[in-house]
Amino acid sequence: MKTHCLVSAFLLLSSFSGGAVVKDIHSPDKRIKVHIDIGKGIFYSVAFRGQNLLRPSQVALQIAGMPADLAVKQVTSRAVNEVITSPVPEKRKRIPDVYNEVTIRFRRPFSITFRVYNDGVAWRFSTHAKDSLTIRDETAQFNFTDAYPVYYPEVVKRENADSFHTSFEEPYQHKTLDSLTTNTLCFTPVLVAVPNGPRVAVTESDLEDYPGMFLTGGQHALQGKFAPYPLEEEVTGGEFPQLVVTKRADFLARTAGSRTFPWRVLLIAAQDSELPVNDLVYRLASPSRLQDVSWIGPGKGTDEWIIGINLFNVPFRSGINTATYKYYVDFAKRFGFNRIMMDAGWSDYKDLFKINPALDMEEIAAYAKARNIRLSMWTLAMTLDQQLEPALQQFNKWGADFIMTDFIDRDDQRMVNFTHRIAAACAKHRIMIMFHGAPKPAGFNRTWPHAVTREGVLGSEYNIWSNKATPEHDVLLPFIRMVAGPMDYEPGILDNATEKTFRPIGDKVMSQGTRCHQGAMFIVYDSPMQIFSGNPSQALTAPAFMELLGSIPTVWDTTLVITAALGDYIVTARKKQDEWFVGAMTDWTPRDLTIPLSFLDEGAYEATICEDGINADRYPSDYRMDTLQLVNKDSLRIHLAPGGGYMARFRKRH
């Protein structure tokens, strides 16, 4: 379905003194109002249900050699009602795209566009010059009306790099807006929680040939900050070398003269439950550049790196060797996964063609192919860039259709362009791609559907060396990080601990919270390529649990959040064809919840239930499974242990 309604298109005449424009634009449901005021600058303010959220906030694009002349040439407005069909639907397959839009074109060759949706606001600049441009700076203000509570991930400056180097993996701090200063550097999304009002997530979309947006603080405000263009780089030492910027320019980007710039986005949710299903960032991104998407095959895989390949009850010495990876292939086949990851160590990090001598790649590839299991390969970003074409050809020969590239740790213009260049090359070879040590997707997954997931999240690996991956952190992610796109958390750790008994131990990795908490992540978290990071030897002792885990899809027709409270708990229901899955997670607070099953279709369902066991508060690996016969008039009463979780699969009886 596609409907465009051109509301107005007219030249502004001299009655607009000095080119000044004052205009209001509303969301289709009238709940959100954006007030635009252009005179001595470009200002916007936002209200929701009559409550002022953002006071006048300035936006500007400083272009070298172009005077800041805001004389207006033309204003056009339109209403749009479309449906986007997602080829890799992490939330839902058919996505309504309904908004009102105003574009203001200036006499100088640039314009600004505001869009207002029922669930958010976005604006961006466009330029219309013939020659290339140098962008000196950008002003992006988000001036809130009070010192509201804010959840933000702060960049921790590295010892030998500037503050724009980060893996985009930090826990969320919870303070008030007035506690953030201009020295506080956050990566997005950042969430502002208005008391007795909506939740407002600040982020961006459609990032290309331009640096990503960080945020700093101010009085009741957030302010965009951008990494200047890298002039000089050097290769770091250490186990995983990468390029670090040693000198930056006095500008952000050199770019084409005729282009659109990234969207600055405010996602607005009246209730907590609306945030995890908000896909505004996806809607704003550029459409897919792939003509054929039939080869994209999301699913579930294994990863061996987090557990240090510490297998047991096996007749071989476990490690990076042929026998171990054949074991992983058999494990994947048994439990319904469609691939295995060969993580760091299968080759020399600096040379993808120096294969670990303990591996017979031809034997592994043939073994996997015979069992219809695909291979996935880890790469170091700098090495992949240097050996890109021959490496992709080699992966094709092995039947590897998915790769991870790691240690990017920047989002300045040069590194953003790297991700687009790698994605384009992988598409030519029909290889899916996941970036690790990288910023949030920001709509990249719509433009490049084979970029099926991305890190940019503090996930399971942090259990190796820290206590940061807490249940509180886990239940914040759906409301904050996940609104920016799918995330590779890599759940499934089966050695589970209480807050009291948890210890970060490499090679014997445990997680905080219950086993069902880990399992529920496969339902609650968006990621078309879910990676199981638990120990297969432990998994083999729990076959029914693993069979349920293996049955969970990774792409969905429909997603609902039944009930949720920011940072406390979430209950998510997802549908694929005629089956429904429910996942629930809580923080360290135990909870009893009632789940109405009214989302089910008519008819009887057989439900496979996996829930925290009676002793899960002391021994979090404890769980119980049951089978129930249910209809949509029924309700489920569930108990979540501290750090607990819940999984259910509903199969229609025929």
Foldseek 3Di string as FASTA:
>chain_A
DKDKFWDDKDWDDCVCPLQWDWDWFAAPVRQKIKIWTDDVFTWIWIGGNNHTWFDTFGKDWAWPPDDPRARWTMKTKMWIWDWDAFPFFLFAGIHTDTWIKMWIQHPAFKIKMWIDHPFWIKMWMWGDDQAKIFTLDIKDKGATPAFFKKWFFWQDQDPPAGSQFFLLAGFIDIDTQQVWAQPTKTAFFMWGPHVLFKIKTKAWAAAALWFGWIWGGDHSMIITDGFAAADDWDWDDDQFIDIGGPDGDSTQGIGGRGGIHMMTMIGIGRDLQVQLNAQVLQSPYDAAPDPDPPLQDFWEEAEAVLLQQLAPPDPDDTDLAAVSLLVRLVLCLVQQTAEYEDEPDQARQQEPPRGDPRYDLVVSLVSNVVSRHAYEYEHELVNCVVCVPVVLVVSVVSRHQEYEYEDLRHGGSVSSNSVVVSLVSSVVSNHAYEYGSDAFCSNVCRHRVSNQEYASYNADSVQQPDQSQALLSVQQCSNTRCNRHAHARQFQALQEADPVPRDNHHSNGYHYFANQLRLLCQVSGRTSYHYHHYHSNVCVVPVVSSNLSSVRGRRFNHKGWQDDDNSAKTWIWTHDDQKIKIKIWGGQDKDKDKAQQLVHDAAKWKKWKKWADPCCLHRRSHIDIDIDIDGRRDMDIGIAHRRGMIMMMIDGDD
